[in-house]
Amino acid sequence: MIKVLITDDHPVVRRGIRQILEDDERIGLVHEACDSKEIFDKLNMQIYDVILLDISLPGRSGLDLIGQIKKIQPSAAILILSIHSEEMYAIKALKAGAAGYLTKTSAPEELISAINKVSKGERYISVSLADSLAESLISDTKMPLHQLLSSRELEVLQLLAEGKKVVQIASELSLSPKTIGTYRERLLEKLKLHTTAELIRYAIMEGIGGQK
């Protein structure tokens, strides 16, 4: 049976999470803590399998507590549950020692799935977080950002660099203009650019395509 410690400074949030967890037969013990002092009091009294840790705790950031918690209970899996988007804190949390990161907008089923996964010593990483981690890895190793692109995204980038408009690209690839527009937005996000002109300039500089 999985033993869980919920940490959050809002009683209503803790109660809601507790109700979700107690409905799952694999979870046998659920305790609560509202701040860092109560967290460490609980850790000194009970061994937990999973600690649901809120980042925005009174006085101390949850990120700052990860290292201390792991020193007291190295075997406990820390699952961050936060109001903040993954882009803001997830990679930092994982590097600090957390086993996973979930936002509070996640479905109850996803929370249960994440708890079960990290309780087995695995990491819980969403698809969007995996993309961010891949991008971070590429940045860390100084590899070109365009190596993160899918083959279709690379194809759209090449056609943009040839000076073709969205409607022309859509016709050539047998896709809708809206779909090509979505690919363009993904390219801007992944390559950290802001305009189509910047995309074209990037492609030409990297030898990906160019005016014909």
N, C-alpha and C. Protein backbone atom coordinates (compact mmCIF):
# COMPACT_ATOMS: atom_id res chain seq x y z
N MET A 1 0.84 -1.20 0.00
CA MET A 1 0.00 0.00 0.00
C MET A 1 0.88 1.25 0.00
N ILE A 2 0.51 2.23 -0.79
CA ILE A 2 1.32 3.44 -0.94
C ILE A 2 0.99 4.44 0.16
N LYS A 3 2.05 4.96 0.78
CA LYS A 3 1.88 5.97 1.83
C LYS A 3 2.22 7.34 1.24
N VAL A 4 1.29 8.28 1.35
CA VAL A 4 1.42 9.58 0.70
C VAL A 4 1.33 10.72 1.72
N LEU A 5 2.19 11.71 1.54
CA LEU A 5 2.11 12.94 2.32
C LEU A 5 1.73 14.08 1.36
N ILE A 6 0.60 14.72 1.61
CA ILE A 6 0.14 15.86 0.82
C ILE A 6 0.64 17.14 1.49
N THR A 7 1.34 17.99 0.76
CA THR A 7 1.78 19.26 1.32
C THR A 7 1.20 20.42 0.50
N ASP A 8 0.40 21.23 1.18
CA ASP A 8 -0.22 22.40 0.54
C ASP A 8 -0.75 23.29 1.66
N ASP A 9 -0.65 24.60 1.47
CA ASP A 9 -1.09 25.50 2.54
C ASP A 9 -2.58 25.83 2.47
N HIS A 10 -3.30 25.25 1.52
CA HIS A 10 -4.74 25.48 1.41
C HIS A 10 -5.51 24.24 1.87
N PRO A 11 -6.26 24.34 2.97
CA PRO A 11 -7.01 23.18 3.48
C PRO A 11 -7.97 22.58 2.45
N VAL A 12 -8.62 23.43 1.66
CA VAL A 12 -9.58 22.93 0.68
C VAL A 12 -8.88 22.08 -0.38
N VAL A 13 -7.68 22.52 -0.80
CA VAL A 13 -6.91 21.76 -1.78
C VAL A 13 -6.49 20.42 -1.20
N ARG A 14 -5.98 20.44 0.03
CA ARG A 14 -5.56 19.18 0.67
C ARG A 14 -6.72 18.21 0.78
N ARG A 15 -7.88 18.72 1.19
CA ARG A 15 -9.05 17.85 1.36
C ARG A 15 -9.47 17.25 0.02
N GLY A 16 -9.44 18.06 -1.04
CA GLY A 16 -9.82 17.56 -2.36
C GLY A 16 -8.88 16.47 -2.85
N ILE A 17 -7.57 16.69 -2.64
CA ILE A 17 -6.59 15.69 -3.06
C ILE A 17 -6.76 14.42 -2.23
N ARG A 18 -6.97 14.59 -0.92
CA ARG A 18 -7.15 13.43 -0.04
C ARG A 18 -8.32 12.57 -0.51
N GLN A 19 -9.43 13.20 -0.87
CA GLN A 19 -10.59 12.44 -1.32
C GLN A 19 -10.30 11.65 -2.59
N ILE A 20 -9.52 12.28 -3.49
CA ILE A 20 -9.13 11.57 -4.72
C ILE A 20 -8.28 10.35 -4.40
N LEU A 21 -7.31 10.53 -3.50
CA LEU A 21 -6.38 9.45 -3.18
C LEU A 21 -7.06 8.33 -2.41
N GLU A 22 -7.94 8.67 -1.49
CA GLU A 22 -8.57 7.65 -0.65
C GLU A 22 -9.56 6.79 -1.43
N ASP A 23 -9.93 7.24 -2.63
CA ASP A 23 -10.81 6.43 -3.48
C ASP A 23 -10.04 5.35 -4.23
N ASP A 24 -8.70 5.40 -4.18
CA ASP A 24 -7.88 4.41 -4.86
C ASP A 24 -7.39 3.35 -3.87
N GLU A 25 -7.69 2.11 -4.15
CA GLU A 25 -7.39 1.03 -3.20
C GLU A 25 -5.90 0.76 -3.04
N ARG A 26 -5.08 1.28 -3.95
CA ARG A 26 -3.63 1.06 -3.84
C ARG A 26 -2.98 2.02 -2.85
N ILE A 27 -3.70 3.06 -2.45
CA ILE A 27 -3.15 4.04 -1.52
C ILE A 27 -3.69 3.75 -0.12
N GLY A 28 -2.79 3.42 0.79
CA GLY A 28 -3.21 2.96 2.11
C GLY A 28 -3.11 3.98 3.22
N LEU A 29 -2.32 5.03 3.02
CA LEU A 29 -2.14 6.03 4.08
C LEU A 29 -1.98 7.40 3.44
N VAL A 30 -2.73 8.38 3.95
CA VAL A 30 -2.64 9.75 3.45
C VAL A 30 -2.53 10.71 4.63
N HIS A 31 -1.42 11.42 4.71
CA HIS A 31 -1.24 12.45 5.72
C HIS A 31 -1.14 13.82 5.05
N GLU A 32 -1.28 14.89 5.85
CA GLU A 32 -1.24 16.24 5.31
C GLU A 32 -0.25 17.12 6.07
N ALA A 33 0.31 18.10 5.37
CA ALA A 33 1.18 19.10 5.99
C ALA A 33 0.91 20.44 5.30
N CYS A 34 0.91 21.53 6.08
CA CYS A 34 0.55 22.84 5.52
C CYS A 34 1.75 23.76 5.30
N ASP A 35 2.90 23.43 5.89
CA ASP A 35 4.09 24.28 5.70
C ASP A 35 5.35 23.44 5.92
N SER A 36 6.53 24.07 5.80
CA SER A 36 7.78 23.32 5.88
C SER A 36 7.98 22.70 7.26
N LYS A 37 7.61 23.39 8.32
CA LYS A 37 7.78 22.84 9.67
C LYS A 37 6.97 21.57 9.85
N GLU A 38 5.72 21.61 9.40
CA GLU A 38 4.87 20.43 9.55
C GLU A 38 5.35 19.29 8.66
N ILE A 39 5.91 19.64 7.49
CA ILE A 39 6.48 18.60 6.62
C ILE A 39 7.55 17.82 7.35
N PHE A 40 8.50 18.54 7.95
CA PHE A 40 9.61 17.85 8.61
C PHE A 40 9.17 17.14 9.88
N ASP A 41 8.16 17.67 10.56
CA ASP A 41 7.60 16.96 11.71
C ASP A 41 7.03 15.61 11.27
N LYS A 42 6.30 15.62 10.15
CA LYS A 42 5.71 14.39 9.64
C LYS A 42 6.79 13.41 9.17
N LEU A 43 7.82 13.93 8.50
CA LEU A 43 8.89 13.07 7.99
C LEU A 43 9.65 12.38 9.11
N ASN A 44 9.74 13.02 10.26
CA ASN A 44 10.44 12.43 11.40
C ASN A 44 9.60 11.40 12.14
N MET A 45 8.31 11.32 11.79
CA MET A 45 7.41 10.39 12.47
C MET A 45 6.96 9.22 11.59
N GLN A 46 7.01 9.41 10.25
CA GLN A 46 6.47 8.41 9.35
C GLN A 46 7.29 8.33 8.08
N ILE A 47 7.48 7.11 7.57
CA ILE A 47 8.13 6.90 6.28
C ILE A 47 7.06 6.93 5.19
N TYR A 48 7.32 7.72 4.14
CA TYR A 48 6.36 7.84 3.04
C TYR A 48 6.96 7.31 1.74
N ASP A 49 6.07 6.83 0.88
CA ASP A 49 6.49 6.40 -0.46
C ASP A 49 6.50 7.57 -1.43
N VAL A 50 5.49 8.43 -1.29
CA VAL A 50 5.34 9.57 -2.20
C VAL A 50 5.01 10.83 -1.41
N ILE A 51 5.69 11.92 -1.75
CA ILE A 51 5.39 13.21 -1.14
C ILE A 51 4.91 14.15 -2.24
N LEU A 52 3.65 14.57 -2.14
CA LEU A 52 3.10 15.56 -3.06
C LEU A 52 3.51 16.93 -2.53
N LEU A 53 4.38 17.59 -3.25
CA LEU A 53 4.98 18.82 -2.75
C LEU A 53 4.54 20.03 -3.57
N ASP A 54 3.92 20.99 -2.89
CA ASP A 54 3.53 22.24 -3.54
C ASP A 54 4.73 23.17 -3.58
N ILE A 55 4.93 23.86 -4.69
CA ILE A 55 6.05 24.79 -4.80
C ILE A 55 5.83 26.04 -3.96
N SER A 56 4.59 26.52 -3.92
CA SER A 56 4.30 27.81 -3.27
C SER A 56 3.87 27.63 -1.82
N LEU A 57 4.78 27.17 -0.99
CA LEU A 57 4.49 27.01 0.43
C LEU A 57 4.86 28.30 1.17
N PRO A 58 4.22 28.58 2.31
CA PRO A 58 4.52 29.80 3.07
C PRO A 58 5.98 29.84 3.53
N GLY A 59 6.66 30.92 3.22
CA GLY A 59 8.02 31.13 3.73
C GLY A 59 9.12 30.44 2.95
N ARG A 60 8.88 29.23 2.46
CA ARG A 60 9.90 28.46 1.75
C ARG A 60 9.35 27.95 0.43
N SER A 61 10.16 28.00 -0.60
CA SER A 61 9.77 27.41 -1.87
C SER A 61 9.91 25.90 -1.79
N GLY A 62 8.95 25.21 -2.40
CA GLY A 62 9.03 23.75 -2.42
C GLY A 62 10.31 23.27 -3.08
N LEU A 63 10.80 24.02 -4.07
CA LEU A 63 12.05 23.65 -4.74
C LEU A 63 13.21 23.62 -3.76
N ASP A 64 13.22 24.56 -2.81
CA ASP A 64 14.29 24.62 -1.82
C ASP A 64 14.24 23.45 -0.84
N LEU A 65 13.06 22.85 -0.71
CA LEU A 65 12.88 21.77 0.27
C LEU A 65 13.23 20.39 -0.27
N ILE A 66 13.32 20.27 -1.58
CA ILE A 66 13.52 18.94 -2.18
C ILE A 66 14.78 18.27 -1.64
N GLY A 67 15.89 18.99 -1.64
CA GLY A 67 17.15 18.42 -1.16
C GLY A 67 17.08 17.99 0.29
N GLN A 68 16.46 18.82 1.13
CA GLN A 68 16.35 18.49 2.55
C GLN A 68 15.46 17.27 2.78
N ILE A 69 14.38 17.21 2.03
CA ILE A 69 13.48 16.05 2.16
C ILE A 69 14.20 14.77 1.76
N LYS A 70 14.98 14.81 0.68
CA LYS A 70 15.69 13.62 0.22
C LYS A 70 16.75 13.16 1.22
N LYS A 71 17.30 14.10 1.97
CA LYS A 71 18.28 13.73 2.99
C LYS A 71 17.62 12.95 4.13
N ILE A 72 16.41 13.35 4.47
CA ILE A 72 15.69 12.69 5.58
C ILE A 72 15.09 11.36 5.12
N GLN A 73 14.48 11.37 3.93
CA GLN A 73 13.87 10.15 3.40
C GLN A 73 14.30 9.95 1.94
N PRO A 74 15.49 9.41 1.75
CA PRO A 74 16.03 9.24 0.38
C PRO A 74 15.16 8.39 -0.53
N SER A 75 14.41 7.46 0.05
CA SER A 75 13.61 6.55 -0.77
C SER A 75 12.27 7.14 -1.18
N ALA A 76 11.87 8.25 -0.56
CA ALA A 76 10.58 8.86 -0.89
C ALA A 76 10.64 9.53 -2.25
N ALA A 77 9.61 9.32 -3.04
CA ALA A 77 9.52 9.97 -4.35
C ALA A 77 8.78 11.30 -4.18
N ILE A 78 9.39 12.37 -4.67
CA ILE A 78 8.77 13.69 -4.56
C ILE A 78 8.09 14.03 -5.88
N LEU A 79 6.77 14.23 -5.80
CA LEU A 79 5.98 14.60 -6.97
C LEU A 79 5.48 16.02 -6.78
N ILE A 80 5.97 16.93 -7.61
CA ILE A 80 5.57 18.32 -7.50
C ILE A 80 4.15 18.49 -8.05
N LEU A 81 3.30 19.16 -7.26
CA LEU A 81 1.94 19.47 -7.69
C LEU A 81 1.76 20.97 -7.53
N SER A 82 1.69 21.69 -8.65
CA SER A 82 1.79 23.14 -8.60
C SER A 82 0.77 23.84 -9.48
N ILE A 83 0.47 25.10 -9.13
CA ILE A 83 -0.38 25.92 -9.99
C ILE A 83 0.41 26.46 -11.18
N HIS A 84 1.73 26.41 -11.09
CA HIS A 84 2.59 26.98 -12.12
C HIS A 84 2.76 26.03 -13.30
N SER A 85 2.85 26.57 -14.49
CA SER A 85 3.03 25.75 -15.68
C SER A 85 4.36 25.03 -15.64
N GLU A 86 4.44 23.92 -16.40
CA GLU A 86 5.67 23.12 -16.43
C GLU A 86 6.87 23.93 -16.89
N GLU A 87 6.62 24.84 -17.84
CA GLU A 87 7.73 25.59 -18.41
C GLU A 87 8.48 26.41 -17.36
N MET A 88 7.79 26.81 -16.30
CA MET A 88 8.39 27.69 -15.30
C MET A 88 9.33 26.96 -14.34
N TYR A 89 8.92 25.76 -13.88
CA TYR A 89 9.65 25.14 -12.79
C TYR A 89 10.00 23.66 -12.97
N ALA A 90 9.38 22.98 -13.92
CA ALA A 90 9.50 21.52 -13.98
C ALA A 90 10.93 21.03 -14.12
N ILE A 91 11.68 21.62 -15.04
CA ILE A 91 13.05 21.14 -15.27
C ILE A 91 13.91 21.38 -14.02
N LYS A 92 13.74 22.55 -13.39
CA LYS A 92 14.48 22.82 -12.15
C LYS A 92 14.13 21.81 -11.07
N ALA A 93 12.85 21.47 -10.97
CA ALA A 93 12.42 20.52 -9.95
C ALA A 93 13.02 19.14 -10.17
N LEU A 94 13.03 18.68 -11.43
CA LEU A 94 13.59 17.37 -11.74
C LEU A 94 15.10 17.34 -11.48
N LYS A 95 15.78 18.42 -11.84
CA LYS A 95 17.22 18.48 -11.60
C LYS A 95 17.53 18.52 -10.10
N ALA A 96 16.59 19.06 -9.31
CA ALA A 96 16.80 19.14 -7.86
C ALA A 96 16.54 17.81 -7.17
N GLY A 97 15.89 16.87 -7.88
CA GLY A 97 15.67 15.55 -7.29
C GLY A 97 14.23 15.08 -7.26
N ALA A 98 13.31 15.90 -7.79
CA ALA A 98 11.91 15.47 -7.85
C ALA A 98 11.74 14.33 -8.85
N ALA A 99 10.73 13.50 -8.63
CA ALA A 99 10.48 12.36 -9.52
C ALA A 99 9.47 12.69 -10.60
N GLY A 100 8.79 13.83 -10.45
CA GLY A 100 7.80 14.20 -11.45
C GLY A 100 7.21 15.55 -11.15
N TYR A 101 6.41 16.05 -12.10
CA TYR A 101 5.82 17.39 -11.98
C TYR A 101 4.43 17.36 -12.60
N LEU A 102 3.44 17.82 -11.83
CA LEU A 102 2.07 17.92 -12.32
C LEU A 102 1.52 19.30 -11.99
N THR A 103 0.68 19.83 -12.86
CA THR A 103 -0.02 21.06 -12.52
C THR A 103 -1.35 20.70 -11.86
N LYS A 104 -1.90 21.65 -11.09
CA LYS A 104 -3.14 21.39 -10.37
C LYS A 104 -4.36 21.35 -11.29
N THR A 105 -4.15 21.63 -12.56
CA THR A 105 -5.23 21.50 -13.54
C THR A 105 -5.31 20.07 -14.10
N SER A 106 -4.39 19.21 -13.67
CA SER A 106 -4.37 17.83 -14.17
C SER A 106 -5.61 17.07 -13.72
N ALA A 107 -6.02 16.09 -14.49
CA ALA A 107 -7.18 15.26 -14.13
C ALA A 107 -6.83 14.35 -12.96
N PRO A 108 -7.81 14.01 -12.12
CA PRO A 108 -7.56 13.10 -10.99
C PRO A 108 -6.90 11.79 -11.42
N GLU A 109 -7.31 11.28 -12.58
CA GLU A 109 -6.73 10.02 -13.08
C GLU A 109 -5.24 10.17 -13.35
N GLU A 110 -4.84 11.33 -13.83
CA GLU A 110 -3.42 11.56 -14.10
C GLU A 110 -2.63 11.63 -12.80
N LEU A 111 -3.21 12.25 -11.79
CA LEU A 111 -2.56 12.32 -10.48
C LEU A 111 -2.34 10.92 -9.91
N ILE A 112 -3.36 10.09 -9.95
CA ILE A 112 -3.25 8.72 -9.45
C ILE A 112 -2.19 7.95 -10.24
N SER A 113 -2.22 8.10 -11.55
CA SER A 113 -1.24 7.41 -12.40
C SER A 113 0.18 7.85 -12.06
N ALA A 114 0.37 9.14 -11.86
CA ALA A 114 1.69 9.67 -11.53
C ALA A 114 2.18 9.14 -10.19
N ILE A 115 1.29 9.11 -9.21
CA ILE A 115 1.66 8.61 -7.88
C ILE A 115 2.08 7.15 -7.95
N ASN A 116 1.31 6.35 -8.66
CA ASN A 116 1.65 4.93 -8.78
C ASN A 116 2.98 4.73 -9.50
N LYS A 117 3.25 5.55 -10.48
CA LYS A 117 4.49 5.41 -11.24
C LYS A 117 5.70 5.79 -10.40
N VAL A 118 5.66 6.94 -9.75
CA VAL A 118 6.83 7.37 -8.98
C VAL A 118 7.03 6.51 -7.74
N SER A 119 5.95 5.92 -7.23
CA SER A 119 6.09 5.04 -6.06
C SER A 119 6.89 3.79 -6.38
N LYS A 120 7.01 3.46 -7.67
CA LYS A 120 7.78 2.29 -8.11
C LYS A 120 9.21 2.65 -8.48
N GLY A 121 9.58 3.90 -8.20
CA GLY A 121 10.95 4.32 -8.49
C GLY A 121 11.13 4.88 -9.88
N GLU A 122 10.03 5.08 -10.61
CA GLU A 122 10.09 5.64 -11.96
C GLU A 122 9.84 7.15 -11.92
N ARG A 123 10.09 7.80 -13.04
CA ARG A 123 9.79 9.24 -13.15
C ARG A 123 8.47 9.42 -13.88
N TYR A 124 7.78 10.50 -13.53
CA TYR A 124 6.57 10.83 -14.27
C TYR A 124 6.82 12.11 -15.05
N ILE A 125 6.77 11.99 -16.38
CA ILE A 125 7.02 13.14 -17.25
C ILE A 125 5.94 13.20 -18.32
N SER A 126 5.24 14.32 -18.40
CA SER A 126 4.20 14.49 -19.41
C SER A 126 4.84 14.67 -20.78
N VAL A 127 4.04 14.58 -21.82
CA VAL A 127 4.55 14.74 -23.19
C VAL A 127 5.14 16.14 -23.38
N SER A 128 4.43 17.16 -22.89
CA SER A 128 4.91 18.53 -23.06
C SER A 128 6.21 18.75 -22.29
N LEU A 129 6.31 18.13 -21.10
CA LEU A 129 7.54 18.26 -20.33
C LEU A 129 8.69 17.53 -21.01
N ALA A 130 8.41 16.40 -21.63
CA ALA A 130 9.44 15.67 -22.36
C ALA A 130 10.02 16.52 -23.48
N ASP A 131 9.14 17.27 -24.16
CA ASP A 131 9.61 18.18 -25.22
C ASP A 131 10.53 19.25 -24.64
N SER A 132 10.14 19.80 -23.48
CA SER A 132 10.96 20.83 -22.84
C SER A 132 12.31 20.28 -22.42
N LEU A 133 12.31 19.06 -21.90
CA LEU A 133 13.57 18.42 -21.49
C LEU A 133 14.47 18.17 -22.69
N ALA A 134 13.87 17.75 -23.80
CA ALA A 134 14.65 17.52 -25.01
C ALA A 134 15.28 18.81 -25.48
N GLU A 135 14.50 19.88 -25.43
CA GLU A 135 15.02 21.18 -25.85
C GLU A 135 16.13 21.65 -24.92
N SER A 136 15.94 21.39 -23.61
CA SER A 136 16.96 21.77 -22.64
C SER A 136 18.25 21.00 -22.87
N LEU A 137 18.11 19.70 -23.19
CA LEU A 137 19.29 18.88 -23.44
C LEU A 137 20.05 19.38 -24.66
N ILE A 138 19.29 19.74 -25.69
CA ILE A 138 19.93 20.25 -26.90
C ILE A 138 20.66 21.56 -26.61
N SER A 139 20.02 22.41 -25.81
CA SER A 139 20.65 23.68 -25.45
C SER A 139 21.92 23.45 -24.66
N ASP A 140 21.85 22.49 -23.71
CA ASP A 140 23.01 22.21 -22.86
C ASP A 140 24.19 21.69 -23.67
N THR A 141 23.92 20.92 -24.70
CA THR A 141 25.00 20.34 -25.48
C THR A 141 25.37 21.20 -26.69
N LYS A 142 24.72 22.36 -26.78
CA LYS A 142 24.98 23.33 -27.85
C LYS A 142 24.74 22.76 -29.24
N MET A 143 23.79 21.83 -29.33
CA MET A 143 23.39 21.31 -30.64
C MET A 143 22.43 22.29 -31.29
N PRO A 144 22.39 22.36 -32.61
CA PRO A 144 21.46 23.28 -33.29
C PRO A 144 20.01 22.99 -32.89
N LEU A 145 19.24 24.04 -32.64
CA LEU A 145 17.86 23.86 -32.21
C LEU A 145 17.02 23.14 -33.25
N HIS A 146 17.37 23.29 -34.54
CA HIS A 146 16.53 22.66 -35.56
C HIS A 146 16.62 21.13 -35.53
N GLN A 147 17.57 20.58 -34.80
CA GLN A 147 17.63 19.12 -34.68
C GLN A 147 16.49 18.59 -33.82
N LEU A 148 15.79 19.51 -33.15
CA LEU A 148 14.63 19.13 -32.35
C LEU A 148 13.38 18.97 -33.22
N LEU A 149 13.43 19.47 -34.45
CA LEU A 149 12.25 19.50 -35.30
C LEU A 149 11.90 18.12 -35.86
N SER A 150 10.60 17.92 -36.05
CA SER A 150 10.16 16.71 -36.74
C SER A 150 10.45 16.86 -38.23
N SER A 151 10.34 15.77 -38.97
CA SER A 151 10.63 15.83 -40.40
C SER A 151 9.65 16.76 -41.12
N ARG A 152 8.38 16.76 -40.69
CA ARG A 152 7.40 17.65 -41.31
C ARG A 152 7.69 19.11 -40.99
N GLU A 153 8.06 19.40 -39.74
CA GLU A 153 8.40 20.77 -39.35
C GLU A 153 9.61 21.26 -40.15
N LEU A 154 10.57 20.39 -40.32
CA LEU A 154 11.76 20.76 -41.09
C LEU A 154 11.39 21.03 -42.55
N GLU A 155 10.46 20.25 -43.07
CA GLU A 155 10.01 20.43 -44.45
C GLU A 155 9.32 21.79 -44.62
N VAL A 156 8.47 22.14 -43.65
CA VAL A 156 7.78 23.43 -43.71
C VAL A 156 8.79 24.57 -43.62
N LEU A 157 9.79 24.41 -42.76
CA LEU A 157 10.82 25.43 -42.62
C LEU A 157 11.58 25.63 -43.93
N GLN A 158 11.91 24.53 -44.60
CA GLN A 158 12.61 24.61 -45.87
C GLN A 158 11.79 25.37 -46.92
N LEU A 159 10.49 25.10 -46.96
CA LEU A 159 9.62 25.75 -47.94
C LEU A 159 9.44 27.24 -47.62
N LEU A 160 9.38 27.56 -46.34
CA LEU A 160 9.32 28.97 -45.96
C LEU A 160 10.59 29.69 -46.40
N ALA A 161 11.72 29.02 -46.22
CA ALA A 161 13.00 29.62 -46.60
C ALA A 161 13.10 29.81 -48.11
N GLU A 162 12.33 29.05 -48.87
CA GLU A 162 12.31 29.22 -50.32
C GLU A 162 11.40 30.37 -50.75
N GLY A 163 10.79 31.02 -49.74
CA GLY A 163 9.96 32.18 -50.03
C GLY A 163 8.51 31.85 -50.32
N LYS A 164 8.10 30.62 -50.07
CA LYS A 164 6.72 30.22 -50.36
C LYS A 164 5.78 30.67 -49.24
N LYS A 165 4.56 31.04 -49.65
CA LYS A 165 3.55 31.48 -48.71
C LYS A 165 2.84 30.27 -48.09
N VAL A 166 2.10 30.55 -47.02
CA VAL A 166 1.39 29.48 -46.30
C VAL A 166 0.46 28.71 -47.23
N VAL A 167 -0.29 29.42 -48.06
CA VAL A 167 -1.24 28.76 -48.97
C VAL A 167 -0.50 27.88 -49.98
N GLN A 168 0.64 28.34 -50.47
CA GLN A 168 1.43 27.55 -51.42
C GLN A 168 1.96 26.28 -50.76
N ILE A 169 2.46 26.43 -49.54
CA ILE A 169 3.00 25.27 -48.81
C ILE A 169 1.90 24.26 -48.53
N ALA A 170 0.73 24.77 -48.14
CA ALA A 170 -0.41 23.90 -47.86
C ALA A 170 -0.77 23.07 -49.09
N SER A 171 -0.79 23.72 -50.25
CA SER A 171 -1.12 23.02 -51.50
C SER A 171 -0.06 21.99 -51.84
N GLU A 172 1.19 22.34 -51.68
CA GLU A 172 2.29 21.44 -52.03
C GLU A 172 2.32 20.20 -51.14
N LEU A 173 1.96 20.39 -49.84
CA LEU A 173 2.02 19.27 -48.89
C LEU A 173 0.67 18.60 -48.69
N SER A 174 -0.35 19.06 -49.44
CA SER A 174 -1.71 18.52 -49.33
C SER A 174 -2.25 18.64 -47.91
N LEU A 175 -2.01 19.80 -47.30
CA LEU A 175 -2.51 20.09 -45.96
C LEU A 175 -3.30 21.39 -46.02
N SER A 176 -4.03 21.69 -44.95
CA SER A 176 -4.80 22.93 -44.92
C SER A 176 -3.90 24.10 -44.51
N PRO A 177 -4.22 25.32 -44.93
CA PRO A 177 -3.45 26.49 -44.51
C PRO A 177 -3.39 26.62 -42.98
N LYS A 178 -4.49 26.24 -42.33
CA LYS A 178 -4.52 26.30 -40.86
C LYS A 178 -3.47 25.39 -40.25
N THR A 179 -3.33 24.19 -40.81
CA THR A 179 -2.33 23.23 -40.32
C THR A 179 -0.91 23.78 -40.53
N ILE A 180 -0.68 24.39 -41.67
CA ILE A 180 0.64 24.98 -41.94
C ILE A 180 0.90 26.13 -40.96
N GLY A 181 -0.15 26.89 -40.66
CA GLY A 181 -0.01 27.96 -39.68
C GLY A 181 0.38 27.42 -38.31
N THR A 182 -0.18 26.27 -37.95
CA THR A 182 0.17 25.63 -36.67
C THR A 182 1.64 25.20 -36.68
N TYR A 183 2.09 24.62 -37.81
CA TYR A 183 3.50 24.23 -37.91
C TYR A 183 4.41 25.45 -37.79
N ARG A 184 3.98 26.56 -38.39
CA ARG A 184 4.77 27.79 -38.29
C ARG A 184 4.91 28.23 -36.83
N GLU A 185 3.81 28.17 -36.08
CA GLU A 185 3.86 28.56 -34.67
C GLU A 185 4.78 27.64 -33.87
N ARG A 186 4.74 26.35 -34.18
CA ARG A 186 5.63 25.40 -33.50
C ARG A 186 7.10 25.71 -33.82
N LEU A 187 7.36 26.05 -35.06
CA LEU A 187 8.73 26.39 -35.47
C LEU A 187 9.23 27.61 -34.70
N LEU A 188 8.39 28.62 -34.59
CA LEU A 188 8.77 29.83 -33.85
C LEU A 188 9.08 29.50 -32.39
N GLU A 189 8.24 28.65 -31.80
CA GLU A 189 8.43 28.29 -30.39
C GLU A 189 9.71 27.47 -30.20
N LYS A 190 9.90 26.45 -31.02
CA LYS A 190 11.04 25.56 -30.85
C LYS A 190 12.37 26.23 -31.18
N LEU A 191 12.35 27.15 -32.14
CA LEU A 191 13.58 27.83 -32.54
C LEU A 191 13.78 29.16 -31.80
N LYS A 192 12.82 29.46 -30.90
CA LYS A 192 12.90 30.68 -30.07
C LYS A 192 12.97 31.94 -30.93
N LEU A 193 12.11 31.98 -31.93
CA LEU A 193 12.05 33.12 -32.84
C LEU A 193 10.66 33.77 -32.75
N HIS A 194 10.49 34.89 -33.47
CA HIS A 194 9.25 35.65 -33.31
C HIS A 194 8.51 35.92 -34.62
N THR A 195 9.19 35.92 -35.73
CA THR A 195 8.54 36.26 -37.00
C THR A 195 8.95 35.27 -38.10
N THR A 196 8.17 35.29 -39.19
CA THR A 196 8.50 34.44 -40.33
C THR A 196 9.84 34.85 -40.94
N ALA A 197 10.09 36.15 -40.96
CA ALA A 197 11.37 36.64 -41.49
C ALA A 197 12.54 36.05 -40.72
N GLU A 198 12.40 35.96 -39.40
CA GLU A 198 13.46 35.37 -38.57
C GLU A 198 13.61 33.88 -38.87
N LEU A 199 12.49 33.19 -39.11
CA LEU A 199 12.56 31.78 -39.48
C LEU A 199 13.35 31.59 -40.77
N ILE A 200 13.04 32.43 -41.76
CA ILE A 200 13.73 32.34 -43.05
C ILE A 200 15.21 32.62 -42.89
N ARG A 201 15.53 33.64 -42.12
CA ARG A 201 16.94 33.99 -41.90
C ARG A 201 17.68 32.84 -41.20
N TYR A 202 17.02 32.25 -40.20
CA TYR A 202 17.62 31.12 -39.48
C TYR A 202 17.90 29.96 -40.44
N ALA A 203 16.89 29.63 -41.25
CA ALA A 203 17.03 28.50 -42.17
C ALA A 203 18.18 28.70 -43.14
N ILE A 204 18.29 29.91 -43.68
CA ILE A 204 19.35 30.20 -44.64
C ILE A 204 20.72 30.11 -43.97
N MET A 205 20.83 30.67 -42.76
CA MET A 205 22.11 30.67 -42.04
C MET A 205 22.54 29.25 -41.68
N GLU A 206 21.56 28.37 -41.42
CA GLU A 206 21.88 26.98 -41.05
C GLU A 206 21.95 26.07 -42.26
N GLY A 207 21.76 26.62 -43.45
CA GLY A 207 21.85 25.82 -44.66
C GLY A 207 20.69 24.88 -44.86
N ILE A 208 19.53 25.21 -44.27
CA ILE A 208 18.36 24.35 -44.35
C ILE A 208 17.60 24.57 -45.65
N GLY A 209 17.63 25.78 -46.17
CA GLY A 209 16.91 26.08 -47.40
C GLY A 209 17.28 27.47 -47.86
N GLY A 210 16.61 27.97 -48.86
CA GLY A 210 16.90 29.32 -49.31
C GLY A 210 16.09 29.66 -50.52
N GLN A 211 16.14 30.92 -50.90
CA GLN A 211 15.38 31.37 -52.06
C GLN A 211 15.82 30.62 -53.32
N LYS A 212 14.84 30.21 -54.10
CA LYS A 212 15.13 29.54 -55.38
C LYS A 212 14.97 30.52 -56.52
